[in-house]
Structures are given as structure tokens and as C-alpha cells.
């Protein structure tokens, strides 16, 4: 009951935020003038804008990899694969489903554990907010006066205090602090002391970006590079519309959109993205009819590439999962019984623990099936790791101790 109530509250908040930003974006727009602005824009400028977007995504992939502990970093190719699929899911599904999807995908394509990956993914969101605010305050001398400067300063101050306190606790207490935080979970069924200790270690590794100064500096550097490239992208789109705005306008639009993405929003942040972009453009006295076409095209530039790249990437990952599934099943599942054998195992027969959970993903790339298949495959990966550690002791055959 409580989960349903929470889900309903999130949905209502999402609808309210979307409706508010959409009304803000459409208020006072003259549709004929907006259409004329779309017709006379020079879309050749979108080619360098797409190149800048690719560079920004490369910087974000390097940032995510840099947040792992130096001796536990997954390959850059696996990082980029999971990140692009995460952005793809975020653009077509609500509730930021891409954050869960990329954790599951990377856990299948690398030896990193899901809890550790989730820690770095959560830390990325913190770094994004910090990076946006740092760029905003550094660019203040070149920005016009905005009404939301004081709230941004309050958010920046509160976030800085929280990050400093968390980093201090992790630096001095390390895994012991995480274990103390997870101790109440021991009452839940299936969570042994050993398992909680393993989870605490994974969480500690996932927060390496707060524990180790070199990791934190590297992560912040790539964050600033990614956001500056995003601001350049916003500026190039304004050049396509001949708005004659300075580069600082791209910075302000990027900051407004980046902070708006913290709020709950529908798939692809429809309405929220446009409304936030118009808030940034309002400081330059641009009319709604001229600003809305710019916001729509900027949103498309930040949407279509992820769909174009995400669909074939999803097909590729599905084919790879189907190709890997038979080999994994052959290592862990017992030989199939003959046709005359009874379907139900006899008493005393050895049945591997994970044999019933292993199945190849269904054909096709339906999103619900892809996400549903991720959990059992994660279980397979963990079982495979246990077998590798035990070696010949766990050979998939019957044992005297059952």
C-alpha cells in the first residue's frame, strides 16, 4: 500500500511539473511567428552541434569511468555502451528508467558489481549538480541578472556542506560507516551478516569519488568539460536561428536545463526541457515566439541522436545476450533427462541452485522483456563468480553431502 501511494505521489508530481513548464513554454507564443522562425533557420549549424554532442558524451563516459576505484574500472567500451543505453531509456521511459538500465547492462558487460555501479551512477548525479553550479558561478560576471541566483546559491551551499560531511565521514570511517548505516537491514529475511558486509564493501568502492581526492578531482574535471561542451552546443543552436546571443547565453540555458532535470519529469523531459530553456532565454529579452523554436530544436538535438544510436545498440546487446546464454547454461545446468524420464526430480537428486533461473532472453527488443531479463542474468553472473572461486569443488555434479 505504501509503495502504491509513493508511486501515485511521484506521478502526480511529474504531471504537475510537466504542466507547469509546458504552460510557461507556450504562454504568449504566436504560432505563425514561431513557424516562420523554424523555416528561416540555418540548419547547417546543427552539424557542428552534433559533433560537440558526441564529444560531450565522450567526456561523460570518461567521467563515469573515472569515478570507479582506479584498480576496479570497467573497460571504456562497456561504460559507453551502458551509458548510451541508459540515455536511450531515459528518453523513452518515465521515472528515469535509464539509471536502472545502465547499472544492469554494465553489470552484465563487466566484472563490476551492481551495488558498486549504482553507487557511481548516483555519484554522477551529484557531480552533475556541482558542475552546473560551478559553471554558473564562474560565468556570473558575463551573465545578466537573474531572479533565481539566490536560490541557486542556497542549493550550492547546502550541497557543498552535505558533500563535505559525507566525504569526511567516508575518509575517516570508510567501510565501517557504511556498515553502521546498513545495520538495520539485518532484520530483513535473506540478508546475512556476510552479505551485508559484501554490500557495504561495494557501496564504499562505489563512493570512491568522495573518498579519494585524485578520483574526485578527475571526476570533477570531466564533469566541467562535459557541461562546457553542452553549453557550446546550446550556443551553436542559437547561431542556427541567428539570435545574435553571446556564448554566455548558452551557459545560462545549460544551467537552467541542468537544474530542471533534477525535478521529476516525463519521458525525454517533454515540456520541462522547453520551459527551462525559455527561463534561461528570458534574461536576454527574447520573445516567446522566437525562443520556443530554439528550445524545440535544442531538445531534438538532445533527443534524436540517443534514439538513433540506442535502437541498434539495443539490438546488438540482445544478440550478444542470446549468444552468451547457451554457454552459461551449459556450464551450470545438468544434462537433460531422457524422454522417458519423469519430469519431476526424484528424492535425493542433485539440482543446481541456479539451474531453474537461467533462460535466454526472449527474441526481439521489447523494453519490458529486456529489463526483466536483466535480473536473472545478474544472478547468473554472480553464480559464475562463485563457481570460479570454488574451482573443481563446484563442478555441477552430485556430491556426497548433497
Foldseek 3Di string as FASTA:
>chain_A
DVVVVVVVVLVVQQVVLLVVLLCLLPPPADQVLLVVLVVPFACVLVVVLLVLLVVLLLLVLQLLQLLFDPVFGWDSVLSSLLQLLQLQCLQPFFPSCSLVSSLLSSVLVGVQASLLSNLSSVVLLLLLLQLLLVLCVVCVVVAFDAPCPVVSVVVNVVSVVVLVVVLVCCQVPNLNVLLVVCVVVCPPPPCDPVNSSVSSVSNSSSRSLSHDPVSVVSSNVSSNSSLLSQLVSLVSLCVSSVVPDDSVLSSQLSSQQSVLVVGGYGRLNVSSQSSSSVSSCVSVVDRSSSSNSSSVVSSCSVRVVSNVVNPVSLVVSLVVQQVVQVVLLVQAADDDDDPPDDPDDDPPADGGPLNVLGDRQDPDRPPVSVSVNSVSSSVSSVVVVVCVVVDPVPRNHDDPVD
